[in-house]
Protein backbone atom coordinates (compact mmCIF):
# COMPACT_ATOMS: atom_id res chain seq x y z
CA MET A 1 105.09 141.68 -5.56
CA GLY A 2 102.29 143.17 -7.74
CA ALA A 3 98.96 144.32 -6.48
CA ALA A 4 96.65 141.67 -5.17
CA ILE A 5 94.04 140.42 -7.73
CA ARG A 6 90.53 141.20 -6.56
CA ARG A 7 88.73 141.66 -9.88
CA ALA A 8 87.78 139.62 -12.73
CA VAL A 9 86.08 139.99 -16.20
CA ILE A 10 83.83 137.47 -17.91
CA PRO A 11 83.21 138.55 -21.62
CA ALA A 12 79.72 137.28 -22.45
CA ALA A 13 78.75 139.26 -25.43
CA GLY A 14 79.31 136.58 -28.17
CA LEU A 15 76.59 135.25 -30.32
CA GLY A 16 77.32 131.57 -29.85
CA SER A 17 77.07 131.08 -33.56
CA ARG A 18 78.72 127.68 -33.58
CA LEU A 19 75.88 126.26 -31.40
CA LEU A 20 72.92 127.69 -33.50
CA PRO A 21 69.99 127.15 -33.51
CA LEU A 22 70.33 126.09 -29.85
CA THR A 23 71.58 129.65 -28.99
CA LYS A 24 69.03 131.51 -31.07
CA ALA A 25 66.95 132.45 -28.00
CA THR A 26 69.15 131.02 -25.15
CA PRO A 27 72.56 132.55 -24.48
CA LYS A 28 75.31 129.98 -24.77
CA GLU A 29 76.47 131.01 -21.34
CA MET A 30 73.20 129.74 -19.98
CA LEU A 31 73.34 126.25 -21.45
CA PRO A 32 73.58 123.68 -18.65
CA VAL A 33 76.61 121.58 -17.80
CA GLY A 34 75.50 119.25 -15.10
CA ASP A 35 72.98 121.05 -12.89
CA LYS A 36 74.33 124.63 -13.49
CA PRO A 37 74.55 126.95 -16.46
CA VAL A 38 78.08 127.01 -17.89
CA ILE A 39 78.63 130.59 -16.76
CA GLU A 40 77.79 129.72 -13.15
CA HIS A 41 80.81 127.29 -13.16
CA THR A 42 82.94 130.26 -14.07
CA VAL A 43 81.50 132.51 -11.45
CA ARG A 44 81.90 129.95 -8.77
CA GLU A 45 85.49 129.22 -9.85
CA LEU A 46 86.35 132.97 -9.39
CA ILE A 47 84.61 133.22 -5.99
CA ASP A 48 86.30 130.08 -4.78
CA SER A 49 89.65 131.62 -5.83
CA GLY A 50 89.16 134.74 -3.65
CA ILE A 51 87.86 137.16 -6.37
CA THR A 52 85.48 139.79 -4.82
CA ASP A 53 84.41 141.87 -7.86
CA ILE A 54 83.19 140.23 -11.04
CA THR A 55 82.20 142.25 -14.21
CA ILE A 56 80.15 140.33 -16.77
CA VAL A 57 80.36 142.06 -20.15
CA VAL A 58 77.19 141.44 -22.09
CA SER A 59 75.28 142.40 -25.28
CA GLY A 60 71.61 142.44 -26.21
CA GLY A 61 69.66 139.22 -25.62
CA LYS A 62 71.64 138.26 -22.63
CA SER A 63 69.14 139.26 -19.85
CA LEU A 64 68.73 135.63 -18.83
CA ILE A 65 72.29 135.79 -17.37
CA GLN A 66 71.22 138.61 -14.99
CA GLU A 67 67.93 136.88 -14.17
CA HIS A 68 69.76 133.76 -13.22
CA PHE A 69 72.01 135.42 -10.65
CA ARG A 70 69.44 138.01 -9.45
CA PRO A 71 68.06 137.10 -5.86
CA ASN A 72 64.36 136.01 -5.95
CA PRO A 73 63.06 136.22 -2.44
CA ALA A 74 59.44 135.74 -3.56
CA LEU A 75 60.28 132.43 -5.23
CA VAL A 76 62.32 131.29 -2.16
CA ALA A 77 59.41 132.27 0.20
CA GLN A 78 56.91 130.29 -2.10
CA LEU A 79 59.09 127.23 -2.15
CA ARG A 80 59.51 127.22 1.63
CA ALA A 81 55.84 127.64 2.06
CA ASP A 82 55.28 124.62 -0.11
CA GLY A 83 57.71 122.57 1.91
CA LYS A 84 60.34 122.34 -0.93
CA THR A 85 63.22 123.33 1.36
CA ALA A 86 66.05 121.80 -0.78
CA TYR A 87 64.84 123.73 -3.86
CA ALA A 88 64.42 126.99 -1.75
CA ASP A 89 68.02 126.58 -0.47
CA ALA A 90 69.31 126.03 -4.02
CA VAL A 91 67.72 129.09 -5.41
CA GLU A 92 68.79 131.31 -2.52
CA GLU A 93 72.36 130.01 -2.80
CA VAL A 94 72.60 130.95 -6.51
CA GLY A 95 71.23 134.43 -5.67
CA GLU A 96 73.91 134.75 -2.94
CA LEU A 97 76.65 134.48 -5.59
CA SER A 98 75.73 138.03 -6.75
CA ARG A 99 76.68 139.33 -3.26
CA GLU A 100 79.70 137.23 -2.82
CA GLY A 101 81.16 138.05 -6.25
CA HIS A 102 79.80 141.52 -6.28
CA ILE A 103 78.60 140.90 -9.86
CA THR A 104 78.08 143.84 -12.03
CA TYR A 105 77.00 143.93 -15.75
CA LEU A 106 78.36 146.17 -18.52
CA ASP A 107 77.12 146.50 -22.04
CA GLN A 108 79.91 145.90 -24.66
CA HIS A 109 80.82 148.86 -26.92
CA GLY A 110 83.43 149.12 -29.64
CA PRO A 111 85.05 147.22 -32.45
CA TYR A 112 84.50 143.51 -32.79
CA GLY A 113 87.11 141.25 -31.11
CA ASN A 114 87.78 139.60 -27.86
CA GLY A 115 89.90 142.41 -26.62
CA THR A 116 87.06 144.88 -26.67
CA PRO A 117 85.13 143.55 -23.54
CA VAL A 118 88.38 143.60 -21.62
CA LEU A 119 88.99 147.20 -22.46
CA ASN A 120 85.38 148.03 -21.70
CA ALA A 121 85.71 146.56 -18.17
CA ALA A 122 89.19 148.06 -17.59
CA ARG A 123 87.67 151.55 -17.61
CA ASN A 124 85.79 150.66 -14.37
CA ILE A 125 88.63 148.60 -12.79
CA GLY A 126 91.40 151.19 -13.09
CA ASP A 127 95.07 150.55 -12.44
CA GLU A 128 94.76 146.99 -11.21
CA PRO A 129 95.54 143.53 -12.54
CA MET A 130 92.51 141.45 -13.33
CA LEU A 131 91.55 137.91 -14.23
CA VAL A 132 89.82 137.27 -17.66
CA LEU A 133 87.93 133.97 -17.98
CA TRP A 134 85.74 132.95 -20.85
CA PRO A 135 82.22 131.81 -19.91
CA ASP A 136 82.18 128.76 -22.14
CA ASP A 137 84.98 126.86 -20.28
CA VAL A 138 84.55 124.40 -17.38
CA PHE A 139 87.57 123.27 -15.43
CA VAL A 140 87.50 120.33 -13.04
CA ALA A 141 90.56 120.73 -10.79
CA GLU A 142 91.58 120.20 -7.27
CA VAL A 143 92.97 123.82 -7.16
CA PRO A 144 90.74 126.06 -9.35
CA ARG A 145 92.29 127.27 -12.56
CA ALA A 146 91.80 130.89 -11.46
CA GLN A 147 93.62 130.18 -8.27
CA GLN A 148 96.52 128.60 -10.18
CA LEU A 149 96.75 131.75 -12.37
CA ILE A 150 96.67 134.03 -9.33
CA GLU A 151 99.45 132.08 -7.66
CA ALA A 152 101.61 132.37 -10.92
CA TYR A 153 101.06 136.16 -10.89
CA GLU A 154 102.00 136.39 -7.21
CA THR A 155 105.33 134.70 -8.17
CA THR A 156 106.03 136.83 -11.19
CA SER A 157 104.06 140.14 -10.97
CA CYS A 158 103.64 139.90 -14.67
CA PRO A 159 100.79 138.91 -17.11
CA VAL A 160 100.03 135.10 -17.06
CA LEU A 161 98.26 132.89 -19.58
CA ALA A 162 96.60 129.60 -18.86
CA LEU A 163 98.21 126.74 -20.87
CA MET A 164 97.52 123.04 -21.30
CA PRO A 165 99.59 120.31 -23.11
CA MET A 166 98.33 119.61 -26.51
CA ALA A 167 98.75 116.95 -29.21
CA PRO A 168 100.76 118.32 -32.23
CA ALA A 169 97.84 117.74 -34.47
CA ASP A 170 95.72 120.08 -32.54
CA SER A 171 97.95 123.13 -33.09
CA ARG A 172 95.75 124.57 -35.80
CA ARG A 173 92.99 125.13 -33.19
CA TYR A 174 94.97 127.21 -30.74
CA GLY A 175 97.37 130.05 -29.96
CA VAL A 176 100.69 128.23 -29.17
CA PRO A 177 103.16 129.93 -26.90
CA VAL A 178 106.89 130.52 -27.74
CA VAL A 179 108.61 129.17 -24.68
CA ARG A 180 111.81 130.94 -23.63
CA GLU A 181 112.37 129.35 -20.21
CA ASP A 182 110.88 126.53 -18.02
CA LEU A 183 110.90 127.69 -14.41
CA GLY A 184 109.40 124.45 -12.98
CA GLU A 185 106.01 123.69 -11.47
CA GLY A 186 104.45 124.39 -14.83
CA LEU A 187 105.56 128.05 -14.98
CA LEU A 188 106.92 129.07 -18.30
CA ARG A 189 108.48 132.32 -19.48
CA ILE A 190 107.02 133.04 -22.86
CA SER A 191 107.75 135.56 -25.63
CA GLY A 192 104.35 135.56 -27.32
CA LEU A 193 101.82 133.39 -29.14
CA VAL A 194 101.58 131.96 -32.65
CA GLU A 195 98.04 131.77 -33.73
CA LYS A 196 96.82 128.33 -35.10
CA PRO A 197 100.17 127.22 -36.62
CA LYS A 198 100.64 124.05 -38.73
CA PRO A 199 101.87 121.17 -36.50
CA GLU A 200 105.35 121.37 -38.07
CA ASP A 201 105.48 125.14 -37.32
CA ALA A 202 104.20 124.97 -33.70
CA PRO A 203 106.80 126.55 -31.38
CA SER A 204 105.88 124.45 -28.43
CA SER A 205 103.53 121.58 -27.25
CA TYR A 206 101.29 123.84 -25.22
CA ALA A 207 98.05 125.58 -26.06
CA ALA A 208 96.66 128.86 -24.66
CA ILE A 209 93.20 127.79 -23.51
CA GLY A 210 91.39 130.89 -22.23
CA GLY A 211 92.35 132.27 -18.95
CA TYR A 212 94.50 135.32 -18.25
CA VAL A 213 95.91 137.66 -15.69
CA ILE A 214 95.81 140.91 -17.53
CA THR A 215 97.89 143.84 -16.22
CA PRO A 216 97.60 147.55 -16.92
CA GLY A 217 100.38 147.35 -19.58
CA ILE A 218 98.30 144.90 -21.56
CA VAL A 219 95.23 147.28 -21.28
CA ASP A 220 97.41 150.06 -22.72
CA GLU A 221 98.18 147.90 -25.75
CA LEU A 222 94.50 147.33 -26.23
CA ARG A 223 93.89 151.10 -26.13
CA GLU A 224 96.50 151.53 -28.86
CA GLN A 225 94.89 148.84 -31.01
CA THR A 226 91.54 150.37 -30.57
CA LYS A 227 92.85 153.82 -31.52
CA ARG A 228 94.40 152.50 -34.72
CA TRP A 229 91.12 150.72 -35.45
CA TYR A 230 89.16 153.96 -35.33
CA GLU A 231 91.73 155.45 -37.61
CA HIS A 232 91.51 152.75 -40.27
CA ARG A 233 88.42 150.74 -39.49
CA THR A 234 89.98 147.45 -40.42
CA GLY A 235 90.64 144.17 -38.56
CA GLU A 236 89.47 143.14 -35.04
CA ILE A 237 90.78 143.88 -31.53
CA TYR A 238 92.44 140.70 -30.35
CA LEU A 239 93.72 140.01 -26.85
CA THR A 240 96.46 137.95 -28.39
CA ASP A 241 97.76 140.81 -30.35
CA ALA A 242 97.95 143.06 -27.27
CA ILE A 243 99.83 140.29 -25.40
CA ASN A 244 102.34 139.86 -28.24
CA ALA A 245 102.94 143.53 -28.48
CA TYR A 246 103.50 143.69 -24.68
CA ALA A 247 105.85 140.66 -24.82
CA ASN A 248 108.07 142.31 -27.27
CA THR A 249 109.72 144.35 -24.47
CA ARG A 250 108.38 142.90 -21.20
CA ALA A 251 107.99 139.64 -19.47
CA VAL A 252 104.98 137.38 -19.90
CA TYR A 253 104.44 133.97 -18.38
CA GLY A 254 102.31 130.91 -19.01
CA GLN A 255 101.07 128.60 -16.29
CA VAL A 256 100.25 124.96 -17.28
CA ILE A 257 96.92 124.37 -15.51
CA GLN A 258 96.54 121.11 -13.50
CA GLY A 259 93.07 119.75 -14.13
CA ARG A 260 90.63 118.75 -16.84
CA TRP A 261 89.37 121.36 -19.32
CA TYR A 262 86.00 121.12 -21.08
CA ASP A 263 85.25 123.62 -23.79
CA THR A 264 81.54 124.09 -24.49
CA GLY A 265 81.81 126.38 -27.56
CA ASN A 266 80.89 123.79 -30.29
CA PRO A 267 78.26 120.99 -30.36
CA LEU A 268 80.70 117.99 -29.79
CA ALA A 269 82.61 119.83 -27.09
CA TYR A 270 79.40 120.86 -25.32
CA LEU A 271 78.02 117.28 -25.45
CA THR A 272 81.39 116.01 -24.10
CA ALA A 273 81.23 118.41 -21.15
CA GLN A 274 77.61 117.59 -20.48
CA PHE A 275 78.21 113.81 -20.61
CA ALA A 276 81.38 114.07 -18.40
CA ALA A 277 79.47 116.07 -15.77
CA ALA A 278 76.55 113.59 -15.82
CA LEU A 279 78.94 110.68 -15.34
CA ALA A 280 80.66 112.24 -12.50
CA ASP A 281 77.41 112.90 -10.71
CA PRO A 282 76.99 110.28 -7.88
CA ALA A 283 73.14 110.20 -8.38
CA TYR A 284 73.11 109.91 -12.15
CA GLY A 285 76.36 108.45 -13.15
CA PRO A 286 75.77 104.75 -12.37
CA SER A 287 72.48 104.68 -14.38
CA LEU A 288 74.02 106.57 -17.39
CA ARG A 289 76.95 104.12 -17.43
CA ARG A 290 74.44 101.27 -17.63
CA LEU A 291 72.48 103.05 -20.38
CA ALA A 292 75.74 103.59 -22.41
CA GLN A 293 76.55 99.90 -22.12
CA GLU A 294 73.11 98.92 -23.32
CA LEU A 295 73.23 101.23 -26.30
């Protein structure tokens, strides 16, 4: 069995360009889904899955993320003095997430691409496996997505990708895994990913949807990519490329996630996630259903 997974990385340095102008001053990670910023859903998922060290990789203009999770004893004291106990408890509980998840922040440096924040964080994590979750995904599941990935890693001791079934017409939007073997219980041996293939060229009916167990071998491949980039200064550093290079000679697995996935990275997807969260809320759902019927 491989080393236990204690650490996780949340890359949060992106511009959120697909949501402009909404994200001009507000980081996309701080947009609310239900009564929480979207990144808080990710942090809670990791803590609920037993992760004890979370690194959030940020860029300029993301200070609101740190402010959100930073404990604020003065505000809590003021709310309690005003008799607003429920609000005080809620603010205090969010601040407690920083301690439970031992949240630290790291500025992103290096070439453009989604592999760079992973490599940045790996320098502080060392020779350990780690979870990588994007901060604009929300999963609603009986067993957290992160926990499902950890369990797949505990079975295989190999890198694991989160997968979901997809309609063939959606293949142009995702990385699609090449499946070599179905091991049951949603665990698949894969030999790599094909990025955004035409439906007729898709190698399987699954999509890689943003959740990974990354092992030191994948980090080594990211280092090689980055070294070549500095030699030629072309292209981007993609996590998918590192996974494919690793899978050429070593085992990689996909875990089909049980649950409902909401992507918040574009306007329609964000509104869908927000609407679903509101409908699921016992306090607001009935009124919103009535409003929807009236409209």
